[in-house]
């Protein structure tokens, strides 16, 4: 496959998954705010800090108010990681490879972008933001389902899957980071009903609440961290994403599973193995924020390895990608 086509498919899927996960990122805060104790101050700056976009936000908006943060993360055309910008980029990439993807995939990307773009001018959207962000998640799920069911499961599909899974692993860790590090309750609140409600909000925002309750029944911070980071079976857990991404990476290269022939396979294999042999008690002892921060650094090495292995020779004018 041409590196241009592979690069475009990979980033198209990453950007659609990123749009969905930014919606989840915001939604976790909205759900937490619903149960704030009387007189408590809303916190919006943690979303900007955990997203890694604190400097550009400060340059453009200054104060992290609810309105500023929602605008920056959702509709800001100058923020490359806003929902509308992610979908615009995904649409541009999809347009350039319409001969490779299915017509159903193209139509969904186009419809998805137009829906969000039109909502930017509708003042009623942010009066009921939870419904809007739920629509974004459903639109992303529809695209993923169409990709799985209308595209041949060859190299193109594996590049799409690889982009989706690596983006999902990154953003699931960031959703967890918002609660555990930036919104960590005081010692007197740990184990309180309010603390439990917040952890339930994290699970809901990762579509993990029901599966978690089937497994563990009661909300426990340690078990939530274990479920979202280390669970092998839940499709939005970090570990599951890495397992599936590793399979697609090896399907593309033809390298046997458990071996590596390029930097991408080496970095992803090392990261997958690290999670496989980590216990949640070790993560808690080290600090969840510290673990997540180190994980994201290693995940960036995987992305760099994929670029060097498959995309570095792509011609100018190829996919719109994220540095």
Protein backbone atom coordinates (compact mmCIF):
# COMPACT_ATOMS: atom_id res chain seq x y z
CA UNK A 1 0.00 0.00 0.00
CA UNK A 2 1.19 3.54 -0.72
CA UNK A 3 2.45 5.24 2.41
CA UNK A 4 0.24 8.25 1.59
CA UNK A 5 -2.89 6.11 1.64
CA UNK A 6 -1.85 4.30 4.84
CA UNK A 7 -1.04 7.60 6.55
CA UNK A 8 -4.35 9.12 5.51
CA UNK A 9 -6.45 6.17 6.74
CA UNK A 10 -4.52 6.00 10.01
CA UNK A 11 -5.05 9.70 10.78
CA UNK A 12 -8.63 9.79 9.54
CA UNK A 13 -9.51 7.18 12.16
CA UNK A 14 -7.38 8.77 14.86
CA UNK A 15 -9.12 12.10 14.41
CA UNK A 16 -12.61 10.61 14.53
CA UNK A 17 -11.70 8.71 17.69
CA UNK A 18 -10.14 11.89 19.10
CA UNK A 19 -13.36 13.84 18.50
CA UNK A 20 -15.33 11.16 20.36
CA UNK A 21 -12.91 11.11 23.24
CA UNK A 22 -12.80 14.88 23.61
CA UNK A 23 -16.58 14.62 24.00
CA UNK A 24 -16.04 11.95 26.67
CA UNK A 25 -13.39 14.13 28.27
CA UNK A 26 -15.86 17.01 28.64
CA UNK A 27 -18.69 14.71 29.63
CA UNK A 28 -16.81 13.31 32.62
CA UNK A 29 -16.54 16.82 34.03
CA UNK A 30 -20.19 17.62 33.29
CA UNK A 31 -21.28 14.47 35.11
CA UNK A 32 -19.06 15.25 38.09
CA UNK A 33 -20.41 18.80 38.33
CA UNK A 34 -23.97 17.54 38.62
CA UNK A 35 -23.15 16.16 42.05
CA UNK A 36 -20.93 18.91 43.42
CA UNK A 37 -21.63 19.73 47.08
CA UNK A 38 -23.50 22.97 47.68
CA UNK A 39 -21.19 25.96 47.38
CA UNK A 40 -18.39 24.03 45.67
CA UNK A 41 -16.60 25.79 42.82
CA UNK A 42 -16.76 24.34 39.32
CA UNK A 43 -13.38 23.22 37.98
CA UNK A 44 -12.69 23.49 34.26
CA UNK A 45 -8.97 24.18 34.07
CA UNK A 46 -8.08 20.53 34.84
CA UNK A 47 -9.54 19.52 31.45
CA UNK A 48 -7.23 21.91 29.66
CA UNK A 49 -4.16 20.86 31.64
CA UNK A 50 -4.81 17.13 31.23
CA UNK A 51 -5.45 17.58 27.51
CA UNK A 52 -1.97 19.03 27.04
CA UNK A 53 -3.31 22.25 25.46
CA UNK A 54 -2.89 24.61 28.41
CA UNK A 55 -0.54 27.07 26.67
CA UNK A 56 -2.63 27.69 23.53
CA UNK A 57 -5.74 27.97 25.68
CA UNK A 58 -4.12 30.58 27.91
CA UNK A 59 -2.95 32.53 24.86
CA UNK A 60 -6.46 32.65 23.38
CA UNK A 61 -8.83 32.67 26.36
CA UNK A 62 -7.01 33.28 29.62
CA UNK A 63 -9.53 32.31 32.28
CA UNK A 64 -10.75 28.69 32.30
CA UNK A 65 -14.47 29.34 32.64
CA UNK A 66 -17.13 26.82 31.62
CA UNK A 67 -17.98 28.79 28.46
CA UNK A 68 -14.32 29.26 27.44
CA UNK A 69 -13.34 25.63 27.96
CA UNK A 70 -16.40 24.27 26.14
CA UNK A 71 -15.78 26.61 23.22
CA UNK A 72 -12.06 25.78 23.05
CA UNK A 73 -12.51 22.02 23.20
CA UNK A 74 -15.63 21.80 21.04
CA UNK A 75 -15.98 24.55 18.43
CA UNK A 76 -12.69 26.47 18.28
CA UNK A 77 -11.59 26.39 14.65
CA UNK A 78 -8.04 27.43 15.62
CA UNK A 79 -7.57 24.63 18.14
CA UNK A 80 -6.44 21.61 16.07
CA UNK A 81 -7.66 19.25 18.79
CA UNK A 82 -11.17 20.67 19.16
CA UNK A 83 -14.01 18.39 18.14
CA UNK A 84 -14.91 20.43 15.07
CA UNK A 85 -11.26 20.67 13.97
CA UNK A 86 -10.72 16.93 14.40
CA UNK A 87 -13.77 16.18 12.27
CA UNK A 88 -12.80 18.71 9.62
CA UNK A 89 -9.39 17.07 9.33
CA UNK A 90 -10.89 13.57 9.28
CA UNK A 91 -13.26 14.68 6.52
CA UNK A 92 -10.40 16.15 4.47
CA UNK A 93 -8.47 12.90 4.79
CA UNK A 94 -11.51 10.80 3.92
CA UNK A 95 -12.19 12.94 0.85
CA UNK A 96 -8.68 12.28 -0.48
CA UNK A 97 -9.08 8.48 -0.27
CA UNK A 98 -12.71 8.04 -1.31
CA UNK A 99 -11.59 5.38 -3.77
CA UNK A 100 -10.19 3.31 -0.88
CA UNK A 101 -12.85 3.60 1.81
CA UNK A 102 -16.51 2.61 1.37
CA UNK A 103 -19.13 5.14 0.31
CA UNK A 104 -20.93 4.53 3.62
CA UNK A 105 -17.80 5.56 5.53
CA UNK A 106 -17.44 8.76 3.52
CA UNK A 107 -21.10 9.67 3.98
CA UNK A 108 -20.86 9.18 7.73
CA UNK A 109 -17.70 11.29 8.09
CA UNK A 110 -19.32 14.04 6.04
CA UNK A 111 -22.61 13.90 7.97
CA UNK A 112 -20.76 13.83 11.29
CA UNK A 113 -18.75 16.95 10.47
CA UNK A 114 -21.75 18.85 9.14
CA UNK A 115 -23.75 18.03 12.27
CA UNK A 116 -21.08 19.38 14.62
CA UNK A 117 -20.28 22.38 12.44
CA UNK A 118 -23.96 23.39 12.30
CA UNK A 119 -24.24 23.01 16.08
CA UNK A 120 -21.59 25.67 16.59
CA UNK A 121 -24.11 28.31 15.54
CA UNK A 122 -26.94 26.91 17.67
CA UNK A 123 -27.00 28.56 21.09
CA UNK A 124 -29.33 25.83 22.39
CA UNK A 125 -26.64 23.15 22.08
CA UNK A 126 -24.70 24.17 25.16
CA UNK A 127 -27.88 24.51 27.19
CA UNK A 128 -28.09 20.69 27.03
CA UNK A 129 -24.45 19.71 26.37
CA UNK A 130 -24.75 16.14 27.62
CA UNK A 131 -27.19 15.28 24.82
CA UNK A 132 -24.92 16.89 22.23
CA UNK A 133 -21.83 14.99 23.40
CA UNK A 134 -23.85 11.76 23.48
CA UNK A 135 -24.73 12.37 19.81
CA UNK A 136 -21.03 12.77 19.03
CA UNK A 137 -20.21 9.46 20.68
CA UNK A 138 -22.99 7.70 18.78
CA UNK A 139 -21.86 9.20 15.46
CA UNK A 140 -18.33 7.96 16.10
CA UNK A 141 -19.62 4.49 16.97
CA UNK A 142 -21.58 4.44 13.71
CA UNK A 143 -18.43 5.26 11.75
CA UNK A 144 -16.50 2.51 13.50
CA UNK A 145 -19.29 0.01 12.82
CA UNK A 146 -19.44 0.99 9.16
CA UNK A 147 -15.67 0.64 8.89
CA UNK A 148 -15.78 -2.87 10.35
CA UNK A 149 -18.73 -3.96 8.22
CA UNK A 150 -18.20 -2.28 4.85
CA UNK A 151 -14.40 -2.33 4.43
CA UNK A 152 -12.32 -5.38 3.56
CA UNK A 153 -10.17 -6.39 6.53
CA UNK A 154 -6.88 -5.99 4.73
CA UNK A 155 -4.01 -3.55 5.28
CA UNK A 156 -6.22 -0.47 4.94
CA UNK A 157 -8.57 -1.70 7.65
CA UNK A 158 -5.69 -2.57 9.97
CA UNK A 159 -4.21 0.93 9.61
CA UNK A 160 -7.63 2.38 10.47
CA UNK A 161 -7.94 0.07 13.46
CA UNK A 162 -4.40 0.88 14.61
CA UNK A 163 -5.12 4.61 14.59
CA UNK A 164 -8.40 4.19 16.45
CA UNK A 165 -6.96 1.97 19.17
CA UNK A 166 -3.85 4.05 19.90
CA UNK A 167 -5.95 7.20 20.14
CA UNK A 168 -8.43 5.44 22.43
CA UNK A 169 -5.67 4.18 24.72
CA UNK A 170 -4.28 7.68 25.07
CA UNK A 171 -7.61 9.34 25.79
CA UNK A 172 -8.84 6.67 28.23
CA UNK A 173 -5.74 7.33 30.30
CA UNK A 174 -6.41 11.07 30.17
CA UNK A 175 -10.03 10.64 31.26
CA UNK A 176 -8.77 8.74 34.28
CA UNK A 177 -6.12 11.37 34.91
CA UNK A 178 -8.72 14.15 35.17
CA UNK A 179 -10.34 12.47 38.17
CA UNK A 180 -7.38 10.96 39.92
CA UNK A 181 -4.86 13.79 39.68
CA UNK A 182 -6.54 17.07 38.83
CA UNK A 183 -9.79 16.49 40.75
CA UNK A 184 -8.40 14.29 43.51
CA UNK A 185 -10.52 14.79 46.63
CA UNK A 186 -9.06 15.77 49.96
CA UNK A 187 -8.25 13.02 52.42
CA UNK A 188 -11.52 13.62 54.26
CA UNK A 189 -13.51 13.00 51.05
CA UNK A 190 -11.85 9.72 50.03
CA UNK A 191 -14.44 6.96 50.24
CA UNK A 192 -17.29 9.42 50.75
CA UNK A 193 -20.54 9.19 48.76
CA UNK A 194 -19.38 12.20 46.71
CA UNK A 195 -16.09 10.49 45.88
CA UNK A 196 -17.96 7.34 44.83
CA UNK A 197 -20.27 9.37 42.58
CA UNK A 198 -17.26 10.93 40.87
CA UNK A 199 -15.65 7.56 40.21
CA UNK A 200 -18.97 6.35 38.79
CA UNK A 201 -18.93 9.40 36.50
CA UNK A 202 -15.49 8.37 35.20
CA UNK A 203 -16.84 4.91 34.41
CA UNK A 204 -19.95 6.32 32.71
CA UNK A 205 -17.83 8.63 30.54
CA UNK A 206 -15.79 5.64 29.39
CA UNK A 207 -18.98 3.60 28.74
CA UNK A 208 -17.57 1.26 31.37
CA UNK A 209 -20.06 1.52 34.23
CA UNK A 210 -22.22 -1.51 33.45
CA UNK A 211 -19.36 -3.84 32.58
CA UNK A 212 -17.46 -2.71 35.66
CA UNK A 213 -20.48 -3.39 37.91
CA UNK A 214 -20.92 -6.85 36.41
CA UNK A 215 -17.33 -7.57 37.35
CA UNK A 216 -16.89 -5.80 40.68
CA UNK A 217 -20.36 -4.70 41.92
CA UNK A 218 -19.11 -1.92 44.22
CA UNK A 219 -17.22 1.24 43.26
CA UNK A 220 -13.63 1.20 44.44
CA UNK A 221 -10.98 3.67 43.20
CA UNK A 222 -8.36 0.94 42.99
CA UNK A 223 -10.65 -1.37 41.03
CA UNK A 224 -11.69 1.45 38.67
CA UNK A 225 -8.03 2.19 37.90
CA UNK A 226 -7.42 -1.53 37.36
CA UNK A 227 -10.44 -1.85 35.06
CA UNK A 228 -9.65 1.16 32.87
CA UNK A 229 -5.90 0.60 32.63
CA UNK A 230 -5.19 -3.12 32.95
CA UNK A 231 -8.33 -5.07 31.98
CA UNK A 232 -7.69 -7.35 28.99
CA UNK A 233 -11.32 -7.73 27.88
CA UNK A 234 -13.07 -4.36 28.15
CA UNK A 235 -12.76 -2.68 24.71
CA UNK A 236 -12.00 0.79 26.03
CA UNK A 237 -9.38 -0.25 28.59
CA UNK A 238 -5.82 0.81 27.83
CA UNK A 239 -4.44 -2.73 27.97
CA UNK A 240 -7.10 -4.13 25.63
CA UNK A 241 -6.43 -1.33 23.13
CA UNK A 242 -2.71 -2.13 23.11
CA UNK A 243 -3.35 -5.85 22.63
CA UNK A 244 -5.61 -5.21 19.63
CA UNK A 245 -3.32 -2.53 18.19
CA UNK A 246 -0.35 -4.90 18.42
CA UNK A 247 -2.28 -7.52 16.46
CA UNK A 248 -3.07 -5.04 13.68
CA UNK A 249 0.50 -3.76 13.58
CA UNK A 250 1.84 -7.29 13.11
CA UNK A 251 -0.85 -8.08 10.52
CA UNK A 252 0.39 -5.09 8.50
CA UNK A 253 4.09 -5.96 8.73
CA UNK A 254 3.78 -9.75 8.62
CA UNK A 255 6.04 -10.09 11.64
CA UNK A 256 5.02 -13.00 13.92
CA UNK A 257 3.35 -11.94 17.16
CA UNK A 258 5.86 -11.79 20.00
CA UNK A 259 8.68 -10.68 17.70
CA UNK A 260 9.68 -7.29 16.25
CA UNK A 261 11.40 -6.09 13.10
CA UNK A 262 10.89 -2.34 13.35
CA UNK A 263 10.77 0.41 16.02
CA UNK A 264 6.95 0.51 16.05
CA UNK A 265 6.67 -3.18 16.93
CA UNK A 266 9.45 -2.89 19.50
CA UNK A 267 7.96 0.09 21.34
CA UNK A 268 4.40 -1.25 21.25
CA UNK A 269 5.54 -4.71 22.37
CA UNK A 270 7.47 -3.24 25.29
CA UNK A 271 4.51 -1.10 26.34
CA UNK A 272 2.05 -3.97 26.04
CA UNK A 273 4.34 -6.22 28.10
CA UNK A 274 4.77 -3.56 30.77
CA UNK A 275 1.01 -3.41 31.30
CA UNK A 276 0.68 -7.20 31.20
CA UNK A 277 3.11 -7.54 34.11
CA UNK A 278 1.95 -4.56 36.17
CA UNK A 279 -0.33 -4.86 39.19
CA UNK A 280 -2.70 -2.07 40.10
CA UNK A 281 -1.11 -1.81 43.55
CA UNK A 282 2.14 -0.80 41.85
CA UNK A 283 0.31 1.93 39.92
CA UNK A 284 -1.34 3.27 43.06
CA UNK A 285 1.93 3.22 44.97
CA UNK A 286 3.72 5.08 42.19
CA UNK A 287 0.83 7.51 41.64
CA UNK A 288 -1.76 7.25 38.90
CA UNK A 289 -0.85 10.62 37.38
CA UNK A 290 2.82 9.67 37.29
CA UNK A 291 1.99 6.31 35.70
CA UNK A 292 -0.28 7.90 33.10
CA UNK A 293 2.28 10.59 32.30
CA UNK A 294 5.00 7.97 31.70
CA UNK A 295 2.56 5.86 29.68
CA UNK A 296 1.72 8.74 27.36
CA UNK A 297 5.41 9.42 26.77
CA UNK A 298 5.93 5.78 25.77
CA UNK A 299 2.81 5.83 23.61
CA UNK A 300 4.27 8.80 21.75
CA UNK A 301 7.31 6.64 20.98
CA UNK A 302 4.95 4.08 19.42
CA UNK A 303 3.45 6.81 17.24
CA UNK A 304 6.92 8.00 16.23
CA UNK A 305 7.88 4.42 15.39
CA UNK A 306 4.80 3.99 13.18
CA UNK A 307 5.63 7.19 11.32
CA UNK A 308 9.29 6.20 10.79
CA UNK A 309 8.37 2.67 9.71
CA UNK A 310 5.42 3.32 7.40
CA UNK A 311 4.92 7.02 6.64
CA UNK A 312 8.28 8.80 6.63
CA UNK A 313 8.62 8.58 2.84
CA UNK A 314 5.09 9.81 2.08
CA UNK A 315 4.97 12.60 -0.54
CA UNK A 316 4.19 16.19 0.32
CA UNK A 317 0.46 16.83 0.21
CA UNK A 318 -0.51 13.56 1.89
CA UNK A 319 -2.64 13.12 4.98
CA UNK A 320 -3.27 15.87 7.47
CA UNK A 321 -1.68 14.47 10.60
CA UNK A 322 -0.94 15.51 14.16
CA UNK A 323 2.67 16.32 15.12
